Structure formats: C-alpha cells, structure tokens
Amino acid sequence: MGNGVREGPVEFQRDVEPVAARIPAEENQEKKKVLNSLMSGALAGAVAKTAVAPLDRTKIMFQAHGADLSPQEAYRLIYHTYLNEGFWSLWRGNSATMVRVIPYAAIQFCAHEEYKQILGNYYGFQGKALTPFPRFIAGSLAGTTAAMVTYPLDMVRARMAVTPKEMYSSIVHVFIRISREEGLKTLYRGFTPTILGVIPYAGLSFFTYETLKKVHAEHSGKAQPSPPERLLFGACAGLIGQSASYPLDVVRRRMQTAGVLGHTYSSILLTMQEIVREEGLIRGLYKGLSMNWVKGPIAVGISFTTFDLTQILLRKLQHGPGLER
C-alpha cells in the first residue's frame, strides 16, 4: 500500500508535465500567428493603398463634389492637380490614409484569421476550408471590427483629400479644427453607412477570394496559387465587393465632407434622396464606379497577394521551408 501511495503522485506528475509544457508552447505559437497576421495585414494595406492613392483621391473628389466622372474627366483632374499643385499632391491625404489603413488592414486581416478559426471550431471545420455562409460571415465580421476601431481616421483622410493644403496643414490639424468648429460627433459622421457598406464589401471580398483559392486547389491539383493567380483572384474579389457596396460608399463620402463643402446631410436616406433628386440614380449613387473598377481590383488584388506572400515568408523564416498558406 505504501508503494501505491508513493507512486500515484509520481504517475500523475508524469502525465501532467507534458501537458503543462505544451500550454506555453501553444500560447507562444498563437501569439506568433497573431503577430504575423498583424504585420502582414499592415504591409498589405500600406502597399495597396499607396499604389492607387492618386486614383483614390480623384474618386473621393468626384464623389464629394457631385461632378460627372468619366475616364477623360478623371485624367483631366489628375493632370490639372499635377500642374497646379505638383506631382506629390496626387498623394495628398495619403499620410492620413496610411495612419488609418495600416491599423485597419492589420486588424481586418488578423480578425479574419481569428474569426475563421472561431467559426471553424463552432461548425467543426478545424483545419478545413469553411463552407460558404461562415466564409462570408468571417469576412463581414473582420471588416466591421476594423471599421469600428479606425473610423475617425477615415473621416480625416476624406477631409484632406477634398480640401486645399492651406485648409488643413496636418492630420492633427484636421482633428483639432473639426473638434473645435464642428464638434467631436463630426468625427463619426457617416459611420452608419460605412458599417452598412463594409458588411457586404468585406464579406463578399474575403468570400470571393477564399472561394477562388479553394476552387483553384480542387481543379488544378496545386496546393497554392501562383502570385499572378492570387492577384487575379483578389481583383475579382475587389470588383464584386466594391460594386455591391458602392452606393453606401458615395453616401459615406458626402456625409464626411459635408462640413467643408457647404452641404448638410442628416441621415442616410435623406442623403440618398438628395443625391438621386439632384443627380439621378445611376449618375449620383454610382458616381466614380467606373474608376473603382480600375483602382478597386488593383488595390484588393495587391492587398490579398501581399498578405498571403508575407504570411508565407514569415512562416518560412520562423519554421523553415515547407509551410505554406
């Protein structure tokens, strides 16, 4: 009996020690995964937005002023801005974009990875691709999470894009003037249409990209698409996502820039009604969509591709070759 009493705790310790040793290792692995997602997402957002910044600024100006947009008009505006304000003025507001898009993209991509894992556990898909509905939900939740955290920076970026540089000298200056002259609530003007727009946009973008990668793996026999294929899948994702949510994007920009352009928009429906009444349904709510069909797919394609390739690179550096996404 004495032996039994002594041996029990020893056997218990033998069973517990490996489990106890595994817990810190698993926690460390999870921290590395989150950090990798944050870093990859931040880089993806920065590269993508910088690449299309001149087109992005031009689109915001057309959306905010209610002017007719065509490729010719867009070219004239870009050329006119270049002649009058210089080459780097085409990237005016990009510093505010970077301040917003780096945390936004980092949070969105990281949140998407986490939501995929949570939904995979809930539906019993651990280690496997999610089915279509959870795939859409994961993207929508990721976009909503990022938008809620970083929205004031989006407002600042829109203001800087549509105003001359004499009006706002820096990002901090925009915050100070809006707070003093229009009130802190103004920093969240347009927040509701943003959230309503980001649900289909992020949901469809992530859904389309993940679906195309899954279909490609099933039909090509290759575990991973090539970088050009990733760009193409991302472009398709951007085209579908942005087209579905575009009217709410126009409403958001009008509400964000109303204070400096002499308009007053009190709600989403009233803003839509005024836009349709003054400019028409298609020419008003879909103003700038043709440009978005150029810049959107490029930006989203670059973003998804940069994220995936950075993730693969970071995993190889940490674990050696052979681990791919």
Foldseek 3Di string as FASTA:
>chain_A
DVVVVVVVVVVVCVVVVVVVVVVVVVVVVVVLLLVLLLVLQLVLQLVLCVVCQLLVLLQLQCLQVVDFDDPVVSVVVSVVCCVPPNDCCSNFLVVLVSVLRNQLRSQLRSQLVVLQCVVCVVVVNVPHGDDLPSQLVSQLVSNLVSCVVRQLSVLLSSQRSNDDCVVAVDSVSSCVCCCVPPNPVLSCFLVVLSSVLSSQLRSQLRSQLSVQQVVCCVPVVDNGDDLVVLLVSQLVSQLVSCVVRQLSVSLSSNRSNCVVNVHDDDDSVSSQVVQCVVQNDCSRSCRSVVSCNVSRSSSRSSSRSSSQVSSQVSCCVVPNPDDHD
